[in-house]
Amino acid sequence: MYTYSDFDEAFVRERCKQFRAQVARRIDGSLTEDEFKPLRLMNGVYLQLHAYMLRIAIPYGTLRADQMRQLGMIADKFDKGYGHFTTRQNIQFNWPKLKDIPDILDALADVQMHAIQTSGNTIRNTTVDHFAGAATDEIADPRPTAELIRQWSTDHPEFQFMPRKFKIAVGASTHDRAALKVHDLAVELVEQDGQQGYRILVGGGLGRTPMIGQVITDFIPKADLLPYLEAVVSTWNIIGRRDNKYKARIKITVFENGIEKMRELVNEEFAKIRAKFSGYDQEVLADLERQFAPPAFKNTDPSSLEAAVAVDPALARWVNRNTNAHKVENHLSVVISLKEHGKTPGDATGDQMRLMADLADQYGYGELRISHEQNVILPHVAKGDIPALFTALAKAGLATANAGLTSDIIACPGMDYCALATARSIPVAEQIALRVKELDLEDEIGLMKIKISGCINACGHHHVGHIGILGLDRAGVENYQITLGGDATENAAIGERTGPGFAYDEVVPAVERLLKTYLEKRNSTDETFLAAYRRLGAEPFKEALYGDAAKKNAA
């Protein structure tokens, strides 16, 4: 894992010092809120419905145990005892007092963390596959590349006030677990003629105008990555729309100019920029690859897990749902679900954070990951340690066996917190999870991605949910649109809107009808909801939502 250099340490400490002075000036009235806003946004501080919110960067979703432990301390000392993990692999604290935020930033710096570029019109936290370094289908660990991008983009003087925010994801696996195609820019590690390099996609994104990213170059060598990224971002920074913030993202620039024109402009800029890179970035990358070397894995006998699973149905179900194959045969990657039925998706208490940190030290080589699906991952766990890990998680309410199932819902904070939200997200997610538990259908339904956003900005990624739910305001009343058939994987697709929206109290029954229709019409237990939707088309599901049968059920 990456360890701060002397430069990193000095840089972050100086930013903390600067922001402490800025906060003091805001509190004593020397700065108005309008004057303070761009300064706080540069340090991850938002003004939400009820309080300031601090968004903390977790670069490429990777945490050390001591960092998770520090987050637990911050939750208890400076917030209301919990934090919220986000779809950007970050964490948000929703209730800090402004006067305390400089102390929080200092506490973060003590464990090599910060909140820089978690907001504002700049390059945001780079995300990756949460199983990076452990996945059986990856070419190489993508995190060194992500860290290289972080170092290049942090405080880059050209990219601090761009037309809009800019989000980058990095992947290296045959199965996309990083939602590459719905990012402003995606970096995909590939091999060509025995050489590793990158495929680059641009113009993806969700929000008001959801689009799938397009390939701008099939292959560039590793040495060309940073100059090529700089060419892409510089080109957009120059020609991107600044007259309308809703048309300022790079996806609109690509759409309006076409991918061929965009490629031509980027290549022109790349030819100019490339000569400025001396090769030092490749020395940095080589050092990063050494820092991200895997831990010294235990050489343990996995047979004890097989024996334990044979006699413990609860353990067997959890292992089946919440573990993933590991490139080292006697290890697994573990998903710690933050989606206990009826609880807020993505929330963890200070006590839970400390426990996860302790378990990471005890069983996971001191390492944790945050997934964009708002769960916590222990990427490396010896199979023989799985039963003890499960027992400890169960005692803390962290052993919900629902990873990838109907109740493993992505949800933004919605109107419970967010000043931009037009409808509630969290209560809808909680109610759907409780209903599917009551129906006892989750295992029968199998793989299901439900995603909920409380406004058009789509922080809950509803566009790429198998079932997507978007909450809107209709003349002062919450109204929820449903989309079907979305997909965030390598087969990415934007979900199709089904028809008129539903009232708040109609959403859960509508989702229930969709699930029952799927179970009735699938051609086998192996056919997923998404596969059935693609085979059958939208009509059977629209009939379930709006037809006579739906009206009869509602009555």
Protein backbone atom coordinates (compact mmCIF):
# COMPACT_ATOMS: atom_id res chain seq x y z
CA MET A 1 0.00 0.00 0.00
CA TYR A 2 1.06 3.57 -0.64
CA THR A 3 2.86 5.46 2.13
CA TYR A 4 3.16 9.25 2.11
CA SER A 5 6.43 10.77 1.00
CA ASP A 6 7.92 13.78 2.79
CA PHE A 7 6.38 15.93 0.06
CA ASP A 8 2.91 14.43 0.64
CA GLU A 9 3.21 15.02 4.38
CA ALA A 10 4.28 18.64 3.98
CA PHE A 11 1.66 19.34 1.29
CA VAL A 12 -1.27 17.99 3.33
CA ARG A 13 -0.14 19.71 6.54
CA GLU A 14 0.15 23.04 4.73
CA ARG A 15 -3.38 22.66 3.34
CA CYS A 16 -4.67 21.92 6.85
CA LYS A 17 -2.95 25.05 8.15
CA GLN A 18 -4.38 27.21 5.35
CA PHE A 19 -7.92 25.94 5.88
CA ARG A 20 -7.73 26.44 9.64
CA ALA A 21 -7.03 30.13 8.98
CA GLN A 22 -9.87 30.31 6.43
CA VAL A 23 -12.36 28.76 8.87
CA ALA A 24 -11.31 31.24 11.57
CA ARG A 25 -11.98 34.10 9.16
CA ARG A 26 -15.40 32.68 8.27
CA ILE A 27 -16.35 32.29 11.94
CA ASP A 28 -15.27 35.83 12.87
CA GLY A 29 -17.13 37.26 9.86
CA SER A 30 -14.10 38.32 7.83
CA LEU A 31 -15.32 36.02 5.05
CA THR A 32 -18.92 35.85 3.87
CA GLU A 33 -20.41 32.45 3.00
CA ASP A 34 -20.11 33.32 -0.71
CA GLU A 35 -16.42 34.13 -0.26
CA PHE A 36 -15.85 31.04 1.86
CA LYS A 37 -17.64 28.61 -0.47
CA PRO A 38 -14.84 28.05 -3.05
CA LEU A 39 -12.32 27.66 -0.22
CA ARG A 40 -14.34 25.05 1.66
CA LEU A 41 -15.14 23.14 -1.51
CA MET A 42 -11.42 22.80 -2.21
CA ASN A 43 -11.26 20.96 1.11
CA GLY A 44 -14.31 18.71 0.78
CA VAL A 45 -16.72 20.79 2.89
CA TYR A 46 -20.32 21.11 1.68
CA LEU A 47 -23.26 22.99 3.17
CA GLN A 48 -26.12 20.51 3.30
CA LEU A 49 -29.75 20.80 4.41
CA HIS A 50 -29.06 20.76 8.13
CA ALA A 51 -25.32 21.16 8.63
CA TYR A 52 -21.93 21.20 6.97
CA MET A 53 -20.82 17.88 5.48
CA LEU A 54 -17.20 16.76 5.16
CA ARG A 55 -16.29 14.34 2.38
CA ILE A 56 -13.00 12.53 2.99
CA ALA A 57 -10.95 11.00 0.20
CA ILE A 58 -10.24 7.28 0.25
CA PRO A 59 -8.03 7.05 -2.84
CA TYR A 60 -9.01 4.05 -4.98
CA GLY A 61 -11.03 2.80 -1.99
CA THR A 62 -8.00 1.50 -0.08
CA LEU A 63 -7.66 1.90 3.69
CA ARG A 64 -5.18 0.71 6.28
CA ALA A 65 -6.58 -0.56 9.56
CA ASP A 66 -5.25 2.45 11.46
CA GLN A 67 -6.98 4.78 9.00
CA MET A 68 -10.33 3.02 9.47
CA ARG A 69 -9.79 3.21 13.23
CA GLN A 70 -9.22 6.97 12.94
CA LEU A 71 -12.43 7.36 10.96
CA GLY A 72 -14.25 5.64 13.82
CA MET A 73 -12.72 8.10 16.28
CA ILE A 74 -13.81 11.04 14.12
CA ALA A 75 -17.35 9.64 13.89
CA ASP A 76 -17.64 9.51 17.67
CA LYS A 77 -15.78 12.69 18.62
CA PHE A 78 -16.87 15.09 15.90
CA ASP A 79 -20.07 13.65 14.39
CA LYS A 80 -23.08 11.65 15.59
CA GLY A 81 -21.31 8.31 15.90
CA TYR A 82 -21.42 7.16 12.29
CA GLY A 83 -20.16 7.86 8.79
CA HIS A 84 -21.54 7.21 5.31
CA PHE A 85 -19.50 5.40 2.63
CA THR A 86 -20.26 6.65 -0.86
CA THR A 87 -20.39 5.44 -4.45
CA ARG A 88 -17.08 7.29 -5.05
CA GLN A 89 -15.33 4.99 -2.50
CA ASN A 90 -15.13 7.94 -0.08
CA ILE A 91 -16.67 8.59 3.34
CA GLN A 92 -18.91 11.49 4.37
CA PHE A 93 -19.56 12.87 7.83
CA ASN A 94 -22.89 14.66 7.83
CA TRP A 95 -22.88 16.54 11.13
CA PRO A 96 -19.48 18.15 11.86
CA LYS A 97 -19.38 21.64 13.33
CA LEU A 98 -17.45 24.08 11.17
CA LYS A 99 -15.17 25.02 14.07
CA ASP A 100 -14.15 21.35 14.42
CA ILE A 101 -13.33 20.64 10.78
CA PRO A 102 -9.72 21.90 10.99
CA ASP A 103 -9.17 19.48 13.90
CA ILE A 104 -10.70 16.68 11.83
CA LEU A 105 -8.37 17.44 8.93
CA ASP A 106 -5.38 17.39 11.28
CA ALA A 107 -6.54 14.04 12.66
CA LEU A 108 -6.80 12.72 9.10
CA ALA A 109 -3.30 13.97 8.29
CA ASP A 110 -2.03 12.01 11.30
CA VAL A 111 -2.92 8.82 9.40
CA GLN A 112 -2.07 10.05 5.89
CA MET A 113 -5.57 11.02 4.81
CA HIS A 114 -7.17 14.24 3.55
CA ALA A 115 -10.26 15.75 1.92
CA ILE A 116 -8.55 17.50 -0.99
CA GLN A 117 -10.41 17.46 -4.34
CA THR A 118 -13.42 15.59 -3.01
CA SER A 119 -15.53 18.46 -4.33
CA GLY A 120 -15.33 21.34 -6.78
CA ASN A 121 -14.75 21.52 -10.52
CA THR A 122 -11.57 19.50 -10.49
CA ILE A 123 -10.39 15.92 -10.88
CA ARG A 124 -12.07 13.91 -8.15
CA ASN A 125 -11.06 10.73 -6.31
CA THR A 126 -9.93 8.04 -8.77
CA THR A 127 -11.85 4.80 -8.24
CA VAL A 128 -10.97 1.17 -9.01
CA ASP A 129 -12.26 -2.38 -8.69
CA HIS A 130 -12.69 -3.09 -4.97
CA PHE A 131 -11.08 -6.52 -5.44
CA ALA A 132 -7.96 -4.96 -7.03
CA GLY A 133 -4.83 -6.93 -6.20
CA ALA A 134 -6.86 -10.01 -5.32
CA ALA A 135 -9.15 -10.63 -8.31
CA THR A 136 -8.55 -13.77 -10.34
CA ASP A 137 -9.38 -12.06 -13.64
CA GLU A 138 -7.11 -9.02 -13.50
CA ILE A 139 -4.08 -8.40 -15.69
CA ALA A 140 -2.34 -6.55 -12.85
CA ASP A 141 -3.24 -4.54 -9.77
CA PRO A 142 -4.71 -1.24 -11.11
CA ARG A 143 -4.02 0.72 -7.91
CA PRO A 144 -0.45 1.82 -8.80
CA THR A 145 -1.91 3.42 -11.92
CA ALA A 146 -4.66 5.04 -9.84
CA GLU A 147 -2.10 6.39 -7.36
CA LEU A 148 -0.01 7.75 -10.24
CA ILE A 149 -3.12 9.58 -11.50
CA ARG A 150 -3.82 10.88 -7.98
CA GLN A 151 -0.34 12.33 -7.68
CA TRP A 152 -0.50 13.89 -11.15
CA SER A 153 -3.96 15.41 -10.66
CA THR A 154 -3.72 16.67 -7.08
CA ASP A 155 -3.46 20.46 -7.12
CA HIS A 156 -2.58 20.39 -10.83
CA PRO A 157 -2.57 24.13 -11.60
CA GLU A 158 -4.39 23.77 -14.92
CA PHE A 159 -7.21 21.64 -13.57
CA GLN A 160 -8.50 23.42 -10.46
CA PHE A 161 -11.32 25.43 -12.08
CA MET A 162 -12.58 23.36 -14.99
CA PRO A 163 -16.03 23.55 -16.62
CA ARG A 164 -17.32 20.89 -14.16
CA LYS A 165 -16.07 18.04 -12.00
CA PHE A 166 -14.14 15.22 -13.67
CA LYS A 167 -14.25 11.57 -12.56
CA ILE A 168 -11.74 8.87 -13.52
CA ALA A 169 -11.95 5.11 -12.94
CA VAL A 170 -9.24 2.50 -13.52
CA GLY A 171 -9.83 -1.18 -14.27
CA ALA A 172 -7.72 -4.20 -15.11
CA SER A 173 -10.14 -7.14 -15.14
CA THR A 174 -12.20 -8.92 -17.77
CA HIS A 175 -15.30 -8.30 -15.63
CA ASP A 176 -15.82 -4.61 -14.92
CA ARG A 177 -16.50 -4.00 -11.22
CA ALA A 178 -15.55 -0.31 -11.36
CA ALA A 179 -18.35 1.01 -13.62
CA LEU A 180 -15.74 2.19 -16.11
CA LYS A 181 -18.12 3.10 -18.91
CA VAL A 182 -20.10 5.65 -16.90
CA HIS A 183 -17.12 7.80 -15.94
CA ASP A 184 -15.87 10.98 -17.58
CA LEU A 185 -12.72 9.04 -18.37
CA ALA A 186 -11.84 5.38 -17.90
CA VAL A 187 -8.39 3.83 -17.94
CA GLU A 188 -8.45 0.11 -18.71
CA LEU A 189 -5.26 -1.90 -18.36
CA VAL A 190 -4.90 -4.18 -21.43
CA GLU A 191 -2.26 -6.24 -23.19
CA GLN A 192 -1.27 -5.93 -26.84
CA ASP A 193 1.48 -7.93 -28.51
CA GLY A 194 2.79 -8.96 -25.12
CA GLN A 195 3.00 -5.37 -23.87
CA GLN A 196 0.88 -3.87 -21.12
CA GLY A 197 -0.77 -0.56 -21.83
CA TYR A 198 -4.12 1.19 -21.58
CA ARG A 199 -7.39 1.53 -23.44
CA ILE A 200 -8.95 4.95 -22.78
CA LEU A 201 -12.67 5.73 -22.83
CA VAL A 202 -14.19 9.21 -22.55
CA GLY A 203 -17.62 10.76 -22.32
CA GLY A 204 -19.41 8.47 -19.91
CA GLY A 205 -21.56 9.77 -17.11
CA LEU A 206 -24.98 9.72 -15.48
CA GLY A 207 -26.96 12.70 -14.15
CA ARG A 208 -29.37 14.62 -16.35
CA THR A 209 -27.97 13.20 -19.58
CA PRO A 210 -26.73 9.64 -19.02
CA MET A 211 -24.23 8.39 -21.58
CA ILE A 212 -21.94 5.41 -22.09
CA GLY A 213 -18.25 6.20 -22.57
CA GLN A 214 -16.62 5.72 -25.97
CA VAL A 215 -13.16 4.43 -26.81
CA ILE A 216 -10.89 7.30 -27.79
CA THR A 217 -7.81 5.11 -28.13
CA ASP A 218 -7.55 1.32 -28.12
CA PHE A 219 -3.99 1.24 -26.84
CA ILE A 220 -1.33 3.54 -25.48
CA PRO A 221 1.89 2.36 -23.83
CA LYS A 222 2.27 2.86 -20.08
CA ALA A 223 4.77 5.65 -20.64
CA ASP A 224 2.15 7.67 -22.54
CA LEU A 225 -0.60 7.53 -19.92
CA LEU A 226 -0.12 10.83 -18.10
CA PRO A 227 0.60 12.94 -21.18
CA TYR A 228 -2.43 11.40 -22.89
CA LEU A 229 -4.69 12.07 -19.88
CA GLU A 230 -3.37 15.61 -19.72
CA ALA A 231 -4.18 16.03 -23.40
CA VAL A 232 -7.75 14.80 -22.88
CA VAL A 233 -8.43 17.00 -19.86
CA SER A 234 -6.69 20.05 -21.40
CA THR A 235 -8.72 19.70 -24.61
CA TRP A 236 -11.98 19.52 -22.69
CA ASN A 237 -10.91 22.36 -20.38
CA ILE A 238 -10.50 24.58 -23.45
CA ILE A 239 -13.53 23.60 -25.56
CA GLY A 240 -15.94 22.43 -22.87
CA ARG A 241 -19.12 24.42 -22.33
CA ARG A 242 -18.94 27.08 -19.62
CA ASP A 243 -22.15 28.89 -20.55
CA ASN A 244 -24.40 26.20 -19.04
CA LYS A 245 -23.33 24.01 -16.13
CA TYR A 246 -25.78 21.30 -17.22
CA LYS A 247 -23.89 20.99 -20.51
CA ALA A 248 -20.38 21.39 -19.15
CA ARG A 249 -19.39 17.75 -18.53
CA ILE A 250 -17.06 16.10 -21.03
CA LYS A 251 -19.83 13.73 -22.15
CA ILE A 252 -21.62 16.73 -23.71
CA THR A 253 -18.38 17.90 -25.31
CA VAL A 254 -17.88 14.47 -26.86
CA PHE A 255 -21.52 14.31 -27.96
CA GLU A 256 -21.50 17.76 -29.55
CA ASN A 257 -18.15 17.35 -31.31
CA GLY A 258 -18.24 13.61 -32.02
CA ILE A 259 -15.65 11.08 -30.92
CA GLU A 260 -13.62 11.42 -34.15
CA LYS A 261 -13.20 15.18 -33.74
CA MET A 262 -12.43 14.72 -30.06
CA ARG A 263 -9.77 12.12 -30.92
CA GLU A 264 -8.22 14.48 -33.48
CA LEU A 265 -8.04 17.38 -31.02
CA VAL A 266 -6.65 15.20 -28.24
CA ASN A 267 -3.98 13.74 -30.51
CA GLU A 268 -2.87 17.23 -31.51
CA GLU A 269 -2.56 18.23 -27.86
CA PHE A 270 -0.91 14.93 -26.97
CA ALA A 271 1.86 15.53 -29.53
CA LYS A 272 2.67 18.85 -27.83
CA ILE A 273 2.48 17.57 -24.26
CA ARG A 274 4.25 14.26 -24.66
CA ALA A 275 7.68 15.82 -25.09
CA LYS A 276 7.37 17.53 -21.69
CA PHE A 277 7.31 14.21 -19.83
CA SER A 278 10.88 13.12 -19.21
CA GLY A 279 10.14 9.61 -18.03
CA TYR A 280 10.20 10.48 -14.34
CA ASP A 281 6.56 9.40 -14.11
CA GLN A 282 7.61 5.87 -15.10
CA GLU A 283 10.16 5.84 -12.28
CA VAL A 284 7.35 6.85 -9.94
CA LEU A 285 5.08 4.13 -11.34
CA ALA A 286 7.79 1.47 -10.89
CA ASP A 287 8.18 2.54 -7.26
CA LEU A 288 4.42 2.44 -6.76
CA GLU A 289 4.22 -1.07 -8.16
CA ARG A 290 6.76 -2.12 -5.54
CA GLN A 291 4.76 -0.42 -2.79
CA PHE A 292 1.60 -2.24 -3.87
CA ALA A 293 3.25 -5.66 -3.80
CA PRO A 294 0.91 -8.24 -2.20
CA PRO A 295 1.39 -9.18 1.47
CA ALA A 296 3.17 -12.35 2.55
CA PHE A 297 0.16 -14.66 2.36
CA LYS A 298 -0.33 -17.33 5.00
CA ASN A 299 0.24 -20.91 3.88
CA THR A 300 -2.75 -22.41 5.70
CA ASP A 301 -4.93 -25.45 5.20
CA PRO A 302 -8.38 -24.44 3.87
CA SER A 303 -10.04 -27.72 4.92
CA SER A 304 -11.23 -26.27 8.24
CA LEU A 305 -13.52 -23.90 6.32
CA GLU A 306 -15.04 -26.80 4.40
CA ALA A 307 -15.74 -28.61 7.65
CA ALA A 308 -17.28 -25.54 9.30
CA VAL A 309 -19.50 -24.77 6.31
CA ALA A 310 -20.79 -28.36 6.31
CA VAL A 311 -22.27 -28.00 9.81
CA ASP A 312 -23.26 -24.30 9.92
CA PRO A 313 -25.97 -23.22 7.41
CA ALA A 314 -25.66 -19.54 8.34
CA LEU A 315 -21.92 -19.58 7.68
CA ALA A 316 -22.46 -21.53 4.46
CA ARG A 317 -24.95 -18.97 3.17
CA TRP A 318 -22.68 -16.06 4.08
CA VAL A 319 -19.64 -17.67 2.43
CA ASN A 320 -21.71 -18.32 -0.69
CA ARG A 321 -22.99 -14.74 -0.88
CA ASN A 322 -20.26 -12.56 0.63
CA THR A 323 -16.95 -14.04 -0.48
CA ASN A 324 -15.16 -13.84 -3.80
CA ALA A 325 -12.49 -16.05 -5.34
CA HIS A 326 -8.92 -14.93 -4.72
CA LYS A 327 -5.87 -15.29 -6.97
CA VAL A 328 -4.20 -17.17 -4.08
CA GLU A 329 -6.06 -20.46 -3.84
CA ASN A 330 -6.28 -20.75 -0.03
CA HIS A 331 -7.63 -17.18 0.36
CA LEU A 332 -10.90 -15.39 -0.31
CA SER A 333 -11.98 -11.76 -0.59
CA VAL A 334 -14.75 -10.92 1.87
CA VAL A 335 -17.60 -8.43 1.44
CA ILE A 336 -18.73 -6.90 4.72
CA SER A 337 -22.27 -5.80 3.94
CA LEU A 338 -23.33 -2.37 5.20
CA LYS A 339 -26.86 -3.22 4.07
CA GLU A 340 -28.47 -4.89 7.07
CA HIS A 341 -32.19 -5.08 6.27
CA GLY A 342 -33.94 -1.88 7.27
CA LYS A 343 -30.74 0.07 7.89
CA THR A 344 -29.27 2.99 5.91
CA PRO A 345 -27.15 1.65 3.02
CA GLY A 346 -23.49 2.57 3.41
CA ASP A 347 -23.61 3.73 7.03
CA ALA A 348 -21.20 2.37 9.65
CA THR A 349 -20.93 3.34 13.31
CA GLY A 350 -17.70 4.27 15.02
CA ASP A 351 -17.78 0.96 16.89
CA GLN A 352 -18.25 -0.95 13.63
CA MET A 353 -15.36 0.91 12.00
CA ARG A 354 -13.07 0.04 14.90
CA LEU A 355 -14.16 -3.59 14.78
CA MET A 356 -13.54 -3.81 11.03
CA ALA A 357 -10.10 -2.27 11.59
CA ASP A 358 -9.32 -4.82 14.31
CA LEU A 359 -10.50 -7.69 12.12
CA ALA A 360 -8.42 -6.38 9.22
CA ASP A 361 -5.37 -6.46 11.48
CA GLN A 362 -6.23 -9.91 12.78
CA TYR A 363 -7.35 -11.64 9.59
CA GLY A 364 -6.81 -9.30 6.60
CA TYR A 365 -3.17 -8.19 6.59
CA GLY A 366 -4.24 -4.76 7.87
CA GLU A 367 -6.02 -3.76 4.67
CA LEU A 368 -9.61 -2.79 3.82
CA ARG A 369 -11.38 -1.52 0.73
CA ILE A 370 -14.50 0.56 0.18
CA SER A 371 -16.59 -0.53 -2.79
CA HIS A 372 -18.57 1.83 -5.00
CA GLU A 373 -21.52 -0.32 -3.95
CA GLN A 374 -21.15 1.11 -0.41
CA ASN A 375 -19.79 -1.99 1.29
CA VAL A 376 -16.45 -2.71 2.99
CA ILE A 377 -14.08 -5.36 1.62
CA LEU A 378 -11.38 -7.41 3.29
CA PRO A 379 -9.48 -8.27 0.10
CA HIS A 380 -7.22 -10.97 1.53
CA VAL A 381 -8.50 -13.49 4.10
CA ALA A 382 -7.14 -17.01 4.57
CA LYS A 383 -9.92 -19.57 4.21
CA GLY A 384 -9.07 -21.05 7.59
CA ASP A 385 -9.83 -17.69 9.25
CA ILE A 386 -13.26 -17.29 7.65
CA PRO A 387 -15.33 -18.98 10.43
CA ALA A 388 -13.80 -16.83 13.19
CA LEU A 389 -14.20 -13.71 11.07
CA PHE A 390 -17.87 -14.52 10.43
CA THR A 391 -18.54 -15.03 14.15
CA ALA A 392 -17.00 -11.67 15.03
CA LEU A 393 -18.92 -9.85 12.28
CA ALA A 394 -22.21 -11.48 13.26
CA LYS A 395 -21.90 -10.20 16.83
CA ALA A 396 -21.64 -6.64 15.47
CA GLY A 397 -24.52 -6.89 12.98
CA LEU A 398 -22.10 -6.96 10.05
CA ALA A 399 -22.68 -10.48 8.73
CA THR A 400 -25.74 -9.86 6.56
CA ALA A 401 -25.48 -12.44 3.76
CA ASN A 402 -26.85 -10.29 0.95
CA ALA A 403 -23.95 -9.13 -1.23
CA GLY A 404 -25.31 -8.77 -4.76
CA LEU A 405 -28.89 -9.56 -3.72
CA THR A 406 -32.04 -7.46 -3.77
CA SER A 407 -31.39 -5.72 -0.43
CA ASP A 408 -27.80 -4.81 -1.36
CA ILE A 409 -29.13 -1.48 -2.57
CA ILE A 410 -27.11 1.55 -3.61
CA ALA A 411 -28.76 4.73 -2.32
CA CYS A 412 -27.70 8.35 -2.15
CA PRO A 413 -28.43 10.34 1.06
CA GLY A 414 -31.45 11.94 -0.63
CA MET A 415 -33.63 14.48 1.12
CA ASP A 416 -32.57 13.27 4.56
CA TYR A 417 -29.34 15.24 4.11
CA CYS A 418 -28.69 16.63 0.65
CA ALA A 419 -29.59 20.21 -0.29
CA LEU A 420 -29.95 19.18 -3.95
CA ALA A 421 -32.31 16.26 -3.36
CA THR A 422 -35.93 16.41 -4.45
CA ALA A 423 -37.10 13.15 -2.82
CA ARG A 424 -36.15 10.63 -0.17
CA SER A 425 -33.83 7.74 -1.01
CA ILE A 426 -32.85 6.15 2.30
CA PRO A 427 -36.39 5.28 3.52
CA VAL A 428 -37.25 3.74 0.15
CA ALA A 429 -34.16 1.55 0.27
CA GLU A 430 -34.89 0.53 3.85
CA GLN A 431 -38.49 -0.39 3.05
CA ILE A 432 -37.59 -2.43 -0.05
CA ALA A 433 -34.97 -4.35 1.95
CA LEU A 434 -37.43 -5.11 4.74
CA ARG A 435 -40.12 -6.21 2.27
CA VAL A 436 -37.88 -8.67 0.40
CA LYS A 437 -36.76 -10.09 3.74
CA GLU A 438 -40.40 -10.52 4.75
CA LEU A 439 -41.17 -12.25 1.44
CA ASP A 440 -38.06 -14.46 1.83
CA LEU A 441 -37.35 -14.21 -1.89
CA GLU A 442 -33.78 -12.91 -1.99
CA ASP A 443 -32.03 -16.21 -2.54
CA GLU A 444 -34.58 -17.24 -5.14
CA ILE A 445 -34.22 -13.94 -7.03
CA GLY A 446 -30.42 -14.08 -6.95
CA LEU A 447 -28.28 -11.38 -8.56
CA MET A 448 -30.10 -8.06 -8.45
CA LYS A 449 -28.87 -4.47 -8.62
CA ILE A 450 -31.38 -1.94 -7.28
CA LYS A 451 -30.10 1.65 -7.26
CA ILE A 452 -31.89 4.72 -5.93
CA SER A 453 -31.23 8.44 -6.45
CA GLY A 454 -33.05 11.27 -4.72
CA CYS A 455 -32.54 13.72 -7.57
CA ILE A 456 -31.55 13.99 -11.22
CA ASN A 457 -27.84 14.20 -10.36
CA ALA A 458 -27.89 10.38 -10.01
CA CYS A 459 -25.45 9.93 -7.12
CA GLY A 460 -27.23 6.61 -6.49
CA HIS A 461 -26.39 5.44 -10.05
CA HIS A 462 -30.06 4.61 -10.75
CA HIS A 463 -29.51 4.75 -14.52
CA VAL A 464 -27.38 1.58 -14.38
CA GLY A 465 -29.50 -0.39 -11.93
CA HIS A 466 -31.26 -3.54 -13.06
CA ILE A 467 -34.09 -1.70 -11.34
CA GLY A 468 -33.41 2.02 -11.08
CA ILE A 469 -35.47 4.40 -8.96
CA LEU A 470 -35.30 8.18 -9.36
CA GLY A 471 -37.08 10.42 -6.86
CA LEU A 472 -38.35 13.75 -8.22
CA ASP A 473 -40.53 16.62 -7.07
CA ARG A 474 -43.84 16.93 -8.90
CA ALA A 475 -45.68 20.05 -7.74
CA GLY A 476 -44.41 19.60 -4.20
CA VAL A 477 -45.09 15.85 -4.08
CA GLU A 478 -42.47 13.10 -4.25
CA ASN A 479 -42.73 11.09 -7.44
CA TYR A 480 -40.55 8.09 -8.26
CA GLN A 481 -39.66 7.06 -11.81
CA ILE A 482 -38.61 3.45 -12.42
CA THR A 483 -36.09 2.39 -15.05
CA LEU A 484 -35.26 -1.18 -16.04
CA GLY A 485 -32.36 -2.93 -17.72
CA GLY A 486 -29.47 -0.75 -16.60
CA ASP A 487 -26.02 -2.31 -16.27
CA ALA A 488 -22.71 -0.91 -14.92
CA THR A 489 -20.47 -3.77 -16.08
CA GLU A 490 -18.47 -4.31 -19.28
CA ASN A 491 -21.88 -4.65 -20.98
CA ALA A 492 -22.93 -1.23 -19.70
CA ALA A 493 -26.40 0.02 -20.58
CA ILE A 494 -28.63 2.88 -19.50
CA GLY A 495 -31.93 1.71 -18.06
CA GLU A 496 -35.17 2.39 -19.91
CA ARG A 497 -37.87 4.45 -18.25
CA THR A 498 -41.00 2.38 -17.81
CA GLY A 499 -43.65 5.10 -17.73
CA PRO A 500 -45.34 7.43 -15.24
CA GLY A 501 -43.83 7.72 -11.79
CA PHE A 502 -45.18 6.36 -8.51
CA ALA A 503 -46.10 8.03 -5.25
CA TYR A 504 -43.83 7.43 -2.27
CA ASP A 505 -46.09 4.74 -0.76
CA GLU A 506 -46.45 2.98 -4.14
CA VAL A 507 -42.77 2.32 -4.78
CA VAL A 508 -42.31 -0.81 -2.69
CA PRO A 509 -45.44 -2.54 -4.08
CA ALA A 510 -44.29 -1.64 -7.61
CA VAL A 511 -40.87 -3.18 -7.03
CA GLU A 512 -42.52 -6.26 -5.54
CA ARG A 513 -44.61 -6.70 -8.69
CA LEU A 514 -41.50 -6.48 -10.84
CA LEU A 515 -39.71 -9.12 -8.79
CA LYS A 516 -42.67 -11.51 -8.86
CA THR A 517 -43.08 -11.02 -12.60
CA TYR A 518 -39.44 -11.94 -13.09
CA LEU A 519 -39.80 -15.11 -11.00
CA GLU A 520 -42.90 -16.09 -12.96
CA LYS A 521 -41.42 -15.52 -16.42
CA ARG A 522 -37.75 -16.49 -16.17
CA ASN A 523 -36.85 -19.58 -18.17
CA SER A 524 -34.68 -21.13 -15.45
CA THR A 525 -33.33 -20.42 -11.98
CA ASP A 526 -30.02 -19.52 -13.65
CA GLU A 527 -31.54 -16.67 -15.68
CA THR A 528 -30.95 -13.39 -13.87
CA PHE A 529 -33.40 -10.51 -13.76
CA LEU A 530 -31.27 -8.57 -16.23
CA ALA A 531 -31.01 -11.52 -18.62
CA ALA A 532 -34.76 -12.08 -18.43
CA TYR A 533 -35.43 -8.41 -19.11
CA ARG A 534 -33.18 -8.46 -22.15
CA ARG A 535 -34.85 -11.61 -23.47
CA LEU A 536 -38.45 -10.59 -22.78
CA GLY A 537 -38.26 -6.87 -23.37
CA ALA A 538 -40.03 -4.24 -21.31
CA GLU A 539 -43.68 -5.13 -21.96
CA PRO A 540 -44.25 -7.88 -19.34
CA PHE A 541 -42.73 -5.64 -16.68
CA LYS A 542 -44.69 -2.58 -17.78
CA GLU A 543 -47.83 -4.67 -17.60
CA ALA A 544 -46.90 -5.63 -14.04
CA LEU A 545 -46.42 -1.99 -13.15
CA TYR A 546 -49.35 -0.38 -14.96
CA GLY A 547 -51.71 -3.04 -16.32
CA ASP A 548 -55.02 -4.36 -15.02
CA ALA A 549 -53.29 -6.86 -12.76
CA ALA A 550 -51.33 -4.05 -11.13
CA LYS A 551 -54.49 -2.06 -10.58
CA LYS A 552 -56.17 -5.10 -9.06
CA ASN A 553 -53.23 -5.71 -6.73
CA ALA A 554 -53.24 -2.07 -5.67
CA ALA A 555 -56.93 -2.29 -4.86
